[in-house]
Structure formats: C-alpha cells, structure tokens
Amino acid sequence: MFRDRKDAGVQLAEKLMHYRFAKDLLVLALPRGGVVTGFEVARRLGAPLDVLLVRKIGVPWQPELAAGLRNRNRGIESGRGEDFRTFRGIP
C-alpha cells in the first residue's frame, strides 16, 4: 500500500490534485505521523501547511486506540465526530 508516510502523502496528493487551485486551500496535519504526510500533500498542491495540536484520549484497555481528542479550546470530540461525553454515555 504505502512504503512510508512520505509515500502516503505523495499518493494522497495525487488523489487531491483537483483541489490544487482552490481558494484558501490549507493542509492541516496531526503530529506523530501526520506531519510528514501532510507536508508532501501541501508541497505537491502548493498549499500552506499548518499543524493541528491535539491530545489523544485513549481507551484504557487498548493503549493504541484513540477514542477521541482534545483540542486547545478544551473541546472534546469522539472519533465519530460526536461529543465525547455523549459517545461514552456520560451526563
């Protein structure tokens, strides 16, 4: 599939070339792997790259699984785009 994250970015950029001349195009990347991929996409599309800093909310019984994320505005989202409290049934 992909040799590495750089190759993933190259292949993804090819699929996104129709956005190349879009107004206000911006590539956002997540740290810990996504920046390398995002850099390749941004470079090939001629777009600026920014990094979105988030903190993973893990699942206690599966440390590598992310159930959601917390952004700098303290918003909490599940991996399904729902409010994390609703996702976990927390009032």
C-alpha atoms as a PDB file:
ATOM      1  CA  MET A   1       0.000   0.000   0.000  1.00  0.00           C
ATOM      2  CA  PHE A   2       2.463   2.703   1.196  1.00  0.00           C
ATOM      3  CA  ARG A   3       6.216   2.403   1.633  1.00  0.00           C
ATOM      4  CA  ASP A   4       6.189   5.027   4.380  1.00  0.00           C
ATOM      5  CA  ARG A   5       4.354   8.201   5.452  1.00  0.00           C
ATOM      6  CA  LYS A   6       6.055  10.262   2.769  1.00  0.00           C
ATOM      7  CA  ASP A   7       4.833   7.860   0.096  1.00  0.00           C
ATOM      8  CA  ALA A   8       1.345   8.050   1.615  1.00  0.00           C
ATOM      9  CA  GLY A   9       1.442  11.838   1.230  1.00  0.00           C
ATOM     10  CA  VAL A  10       2.574  11.588  -2.383  1.00  0.00           C
ATOM     11  CA  GLN A  11      -0.221   9.158  -3.219  1.00  0.00           C
ATOM     12  CA  LEU A  12      -2.823  11.185  -1.340  1.00  0.00           C
ATOM     13  CA  ALA A  13      -1.738  14.376  -3.101  1.00  0.00           C
ATOM     14  CA  GLU A  14      -2.312  12.694  -6.462  1.00  0.00           C
ATOM     15  CA  LYS A  15      -5.904  11.962  -5.434  1.00  0.00           C
ATOM     16  CA  LEU A  16      -6.394  15.574  -4.299  1.00  0.00           C
ATOM     17  CA  MET A  17      -4.914  17.389  -7.291  1.00  0.00           C
ATOM     18  CA  HIS A  18      -8.346  18.723  -8.268  1.00  0.00           C
ATOM     19  CA  TYR A  19      -8.041  20.993  -5.195  1.00  0.00           C
ATOM     20  CA  ARG A  20      -4.708  22.430  -6.330  1.00  0.00           C
ATOM     21  CA  PHE A  21      -6.079  25.835  -7.349  1.00  0.00           C
ATOM     22  CA  ALA A  22      -8.829  26.052  -4.736  1.00  0.00           C
ATOM     23  CA  LYS A  23      -9.131  29.396  -3.000  1.00  0.00           C
ATOM     24  CA  ASP A  24      -7.877  29.435   0.606  1.00  0.00           C
ATOM     25  CA  LEU A  25      -6.545  25.872   0.413  1.00  0.00           C
ATOM     26  CA  LEU A  26      -4.835  24.779   3.627  1.00  0.00           C
ATOM     27  CA  VAL A  27      -3.453  21.388   4.629  1.00  0.00           C
ATOM     28  CA  LEU A  28      -3.791  20.522   8.315  1.00  0.00           C
ATOM     29  CA  ALA A  29      -1.671  17.756   9.789  1.00  0.00           C
ATOM     30  CA  LEU A  30      -1.686  15.986  13.143  1.00  0.00           C
ATOM     31  CA  PRO A  31       1.602  15.410  14.955  1.00  0.00           C
ATOM     32  CA  ARG A  32       3.075  11.945  15.437  1.00  0.00           C
ATOM     33  CA  GLY A  33       2.984  10.841  11.849  1.00  0.00           C
ATOM     34  CA  GLY A  34       0.631  13.136  10.020  1.00  0.00           C
ATOM     35  CA  VAL A  35       3.086  15.990   9.547  1.00  0.00           C
ATOM     36  CA  VAL A  36       5.305  14.043   7.149  1.00  0.00           C
ATOM     37  CA  THR A  37       2.256  13.016   5.125  1.00  0.00           C
ATOM     38  CA  GLY A  38       0.728  16.493   5.265  1.00  0.00           C
ATOM     39  CA  PHE A  39       3.985  18.094   4.164  1.00  0.00           C
ATOM     40  CA  GLU A  40       4.018  16.050   0.968  1.00  0.00           C
ATOM     41  CA  VAL A  41       0.377  16.881   0.264  1.00  0.00           C
ATOM     42  CA  ALA A  42       0.935  20.607   0.875  1.00  0.00           C
ATOM     43  CA  ARG A  43       4.093  20.688  -1.222  1.00  0.00           C
ATOM     44  CA  ARG A  44       2.501  18.997  -4.203  1.00  0.00           C
ATOM     45  CA  LEU A  45      -0.687  21.066  -4.026  1.00  0.00           C
ATOM     46  CA  GLY A  46       1.199  24.313  -3.494  1.00  0.00           C
ATOM     47  CA  ALA A  47      -0.714  24.915  -0.279  1.00  0.00           C
ATOM     48  CA  PRO A  48       0.364  26.160   3.132  1.00  0.00           C
ATOM     49  CA  LEU A  49       0.742  23.551   5.862  1.00  0.00           C
ATOM     50  CA  ASP A  50      -0.363  24.006   9.454  1.00  0.00           C
ATOM     51  CA  VAL A  51      -0.219  21.618  12.374  1.00  0.00           C
ATOM     52  CA  LEU A  52      -3.288  20.955  14.487  1.00  0.00           C
ATOM     53  CA  LEU A  53      -2.196  20.247  18.052  1.00  0.00           C
ATOM     54  CA  VAL A  54      -4.474  17.809  19.824  1.00  0.00           C
ATOM     55  CA  ARG A  55      -4.190  15.342  22.660  1.00  0.00           C
ATOM     56  CA  LYS A  56      -5.392  11.788  22.200  1.00  0.00           C
ATOM     57  CA  ILE A  57      -7.993  10.415  24.576  1.00  0.00           C
ATOM     58  CA  GLY A  58      -7.083   6.769  24.807  1.00  0.00           C
ATOM     59  CA  VAL A  59      -9.108   3.722  25.659  1.00  0.00           C
ATOM     60  CA  PRO A  60      -7.839   2.250  28.973  1.00  0.00           C
ATOM     61  CA  TRP A  61      -7.917  -1.365  27.820  1.00  0.00           C
ATOM     62  CA  GLN A  62      -6.316  -0.616  24.416  1.00  0.00           C
ATOM     63  CA  PRO A  63      -3.488   1.969  24.688  1.00  0.00           C
ATOM     64  CA  GLU A  64      -3.008   2.376  20.926  1.00  0.00           C
ATOM     65  CA  LEU A  65      -6.705   3.052  20.261  1.00  0.00           C
ATOM     66  CA  ALA A  66      -7.861   6.681  20.271  1.00  0.00           C
ATOM     67  CA  ALA A  67     -11.459   7.178  21.349  1.00  0.00           C
ATOM     68  CA  GLY A  68     -11.326  10.907  20.768  1.00  0.00           C
ATOM     69  CA  LEU A  69      -9.238  14.028  21.001  1.00  0.00           C
ATOM     70  CA  ARG A  70      -8.955  17.214  22.994  1.00  0.00           C
ATOM     71  CA  ASN A  71      -8.091  20.438  21.218  1.00  0.00           C
ATOM     72  CA  ARG A  72      -6.551  23.589  22.636  1.00  0.00           C
ATOM     73  CA  ASN A  73     -10.000  25.094  23.156  1.00  0.00           C
ATOM     74  CA  ARG A  74     -10.733  22.215  25.553  1.00  0.00           C
ATOM     75  CA  GLY A  75     -13.308  20.775  23.178  1.00  0.00           C
ATOM     76  CA  ILE A  76     -13.628  17.009  23.356  1.00  0.00           C
ATOM     77  CA  GLU A  77     -14.653  15.013  20.302  1.00  0.00           C
ATOM     78  CA  SER A  78     -15.061  11.329  19.702  1.00  0.00           C
ATOM     79  CA  GLY A  79     -13.525   9.621  16.720  1.00  0.00           C
ATOM     80  CA  ARG A  80     -17.028   9.614  15.248  1.00  0.00           C
ATOM     81  CA  GLY A  81     -17.384  13.406  15.417  1.00  0.00           C
ATOM     82  CA  GLU A  82     -19.752  13.319  18.388  1.00  0.00           C
ATOM     83  CA  ASP A  83     -19.271  14.980  21.727  1.00  0.00           C
ATOM     84  CA  PHE A  84     -17.147  12.514  23.715  1.00  0.00           C
ATOM     85  CA  ARG A  85     -19.408  12.621  26.767  1.00  0.00           C
ATOM     86  CA  THR A  86     -22.369  11.574  24.637  1.00  0.00           C
ATOM     87  CA  PHE A  87     -20.267   8.893  22.947  1.00  0.00           C
ATOM     88  CA  ARG A  88     -19.323   7.390  26.324  1.00  0.00           C
ATOM     89  CA  GLY A  89     -22.784   7.925  27.890  1.00  0.00           C
ATOM     90  CA  ILE A  90     -21.514  10.491  30.407  1.00  0.00           C
ATOM     91  CA  PRO A  91     -24.162  13.034  31.506  1.00  0.00           C
END
